Amino acid sequence: KSMTGHMLGAAGAVEAIVSALALHEGVIPPTINLREPDPECDLDYVPNQARKVQAQMALSTSLGFGGHNACIAFKRMEEE
């Protein structure tokens, strides 16, 4: 949402596409506009600039209005 705004029903599809592309391209998209992370929340942030990483898996969760929730897991496929 930090880059696209809230796309309501389309948000889950776009997030799933971005997750699959991140695995394919080896790049984690950034969280834009992150200026002051909470020191009490110890997370591996990717602030403001993408990070090159050869991730093997990605998890995309979509939590919608009225309890419409979905989750999809992606795994990087290796060519034989």
Protein backbone atom coordinates (compact mmCIF):
# COMPACT_ATOMS: atom_id res chain seq x y z
CA LYS A 1 0.00 0.00 0.00
CA SER A 2 2.90 2.37 0.56
CA MET A 3 3.54 2.46 -3.20
CA THR A 4 0.09 1.91 -4.71
CA GLY A 5 -2.47 3.16 -2.22
CA HIS A 6 -5.26 0.80 -1.16
CA MET A 7 -6.57 -1.05 -4.19
CA LEU A 8 -9.34 -2.80 -2.22
CA GLY A 9 -10.20 -6.07 -4.02
CA ALA A 10 -7.19 -5.91 -6.37
CA ALA A 11 -4.61 -5.57 -3.57
CA GLY A 12 -4.21 -9.32 -3.02
CA ALA A 13 -3.62 -10.07 -6.70
CA VAL A 14 -1.01 -7.32 -7.03
CA GLU A 15 0.75 -8.44 -3.84
CA ALA A 16 0.85 -12.04 -5.09
CA ILE A 17 2.35 -10.93 -8.41
CA VAL A 18 4.97 -8.79 -6.65
CA SER A 19 5.84 -11.71 -4.34
CA ALA A 20 6.34 -14.09 -7.28
CA LEU A 21 8.41 -11.51 -9.17
CA ALA A 22 10.55 -10.85 -6.09
CA LEU A 23 11.48 -14.54 -5.99
CA HIS A 24 12.10 -14.66 -9.74
CA GLU A 25 14.21 -11.49 -9.86
CA GLY A 26 15.99 -11.94 -6.51
CA VAL A 27 14.93 -8.55 -5.17
CA ILE A 28 12.92 -7.66 -2.07
CA PRO A 29 10.77 -4.56 -2.65
CA PRO A 30 11.22 -1.79 -0.10
CA THR A 31 8.91 -0.29 2.47
CA ILE A 32 8.90 3.30 1.24
CA ASN A 33 8.67 6.30 3.56
CA LEU A 34 10.03 4.38 6.57
CA ARG A 35 11.92 7.01 8.55
CA GLU A 36 11.79 5.91 12.19
CA PRO A 37 11.41 2.19 12.87
CA ASP A 38 10.12 1.38 16.34
CA PRO A 39 13.17 0.34 18.40
CA GLU A 40 10.93 -2.08 20.33
CA CYS A 41 9.99 -3.91 17.10
CA ASP A 42 13.08 -5.88 16.05
CA LEU A 43 12.39 -6.66 12.38
CA ASP A 44 14.64 -6.90 9.33
CA TYR A 45 13.24 -3.83 7.57
CA VAL A 46 13.96 -3.05 3.91
CA PRO A 47 13.56 0.73 4.13
CA ASN A 48 13.20 2.95 1.06
CA GLN A 49 15.41 0.94 -1.33
CA ALA A 50 15.07 -2.60 -2.68
CA ARG A 51 17.48 -5.26 -1.46
CA LYS A 52 19.03 -7.98 -3.63
CA VAL A 53 18.43 -11.36 -1.96
CA GLN A 54 18.04 -14.86 -3.36
CA ALA A 55 15.02 -15.73 -1.23
CA GLN A 56 13.64 -19.23 -1.61
CA MET A 57 10.11 -18.60 -0.33
CA ALA A 58 7.59 -15.78 0.00
CA LEU A 59 4.32 -15.53 1.89
CA SER A 60 1.58 -13.19 0.68
CA THR A 61 -1.31 -12.51 3.06
CA SER A 62 -4.42 -10.54 2.15
CA LEU A 63 -6.69 -9.35 4.92
CA GLY A 64 -9.83 -7.74 3.54
CA PHE A 65 -12.86 -5.89 4.80
CA GLY A 66 -15.56 -8.10 6.28
CA GLY A 67 -13.22 -11.00 7.01
CA HIS A 68 -12.21 -11.82 3.45
CA ASN A 69 -8.79 -13.28 4.15
CA ALA A 70 -6.39 -15.31 2.03
CA CYS A 71 -2.80 -16.50 2.20
CA ILE A 72 -0.60 -17.97 -0.52
CA ALA A 73 2.93 -19.35 -0.22
CA PHE A 74 5.40 -19.26 -3.11
CA LYS A 75 8.56 -21.35 -3.47
CA ARG A 76 11.33 -20.57 -5.91
CA MET A 77 11.57 -23.25 -8.60
CA GLU A 78 14.99 -24.38 -9.77
CA GLU A 79 15.56 -25.49 -13.35
CA GLU A 80 16.85 -29.03 -13.74
